């Protein structure tokens, strides 16, 4: 059964707006950041900007199948940016920041395409990434969680920008 309630239509539009704001704020916060600057580690702990943006990519890439989209990079390419991975120790273990941002553009486009093609009646379906996925989340729950996650980390990019020594990008 298709749910055509105004609330649900608003819900999808809200997801689309959130994804757009995540992309816009990220791009503003990383403007003018070099690869070397993206590797500056916060003290006393935490992850550098390169890892945070790569982690955003890893999260989107991992969840694109929920939106009926193909991952933008092969499995494993972004594994160093997975949840729980330790901070980088040197620049040899990272993807160059310019490449991270190029992949971001492709990833963001795939997310937006998936959200634009999302049908109202899909929101309560299981959010399976692959046949062996045992998650009990609905697509609605997964999208909500992913967008919160992305917003959380995009907020970190503003702080990391200042720790690098750049002026704040959003006043």
Foldseek 3Di string as FASTA:
>chain_A
DADPDPVLVVLLVVLLVLLVVLVVLLCLLCPPPFQVLQQDADPPHDAGNQLLLLLLLVLLQQQLVLLVFHRLDDPPPSVCSHPPHGYDPDPPPGDRSVVSVVSVVVSSVSVSVSSVPDGSVQQQCCSDSDPPDPDPHGSVVSSVVSSVVSVVSSVVSQVSSVVSPHDGRPD
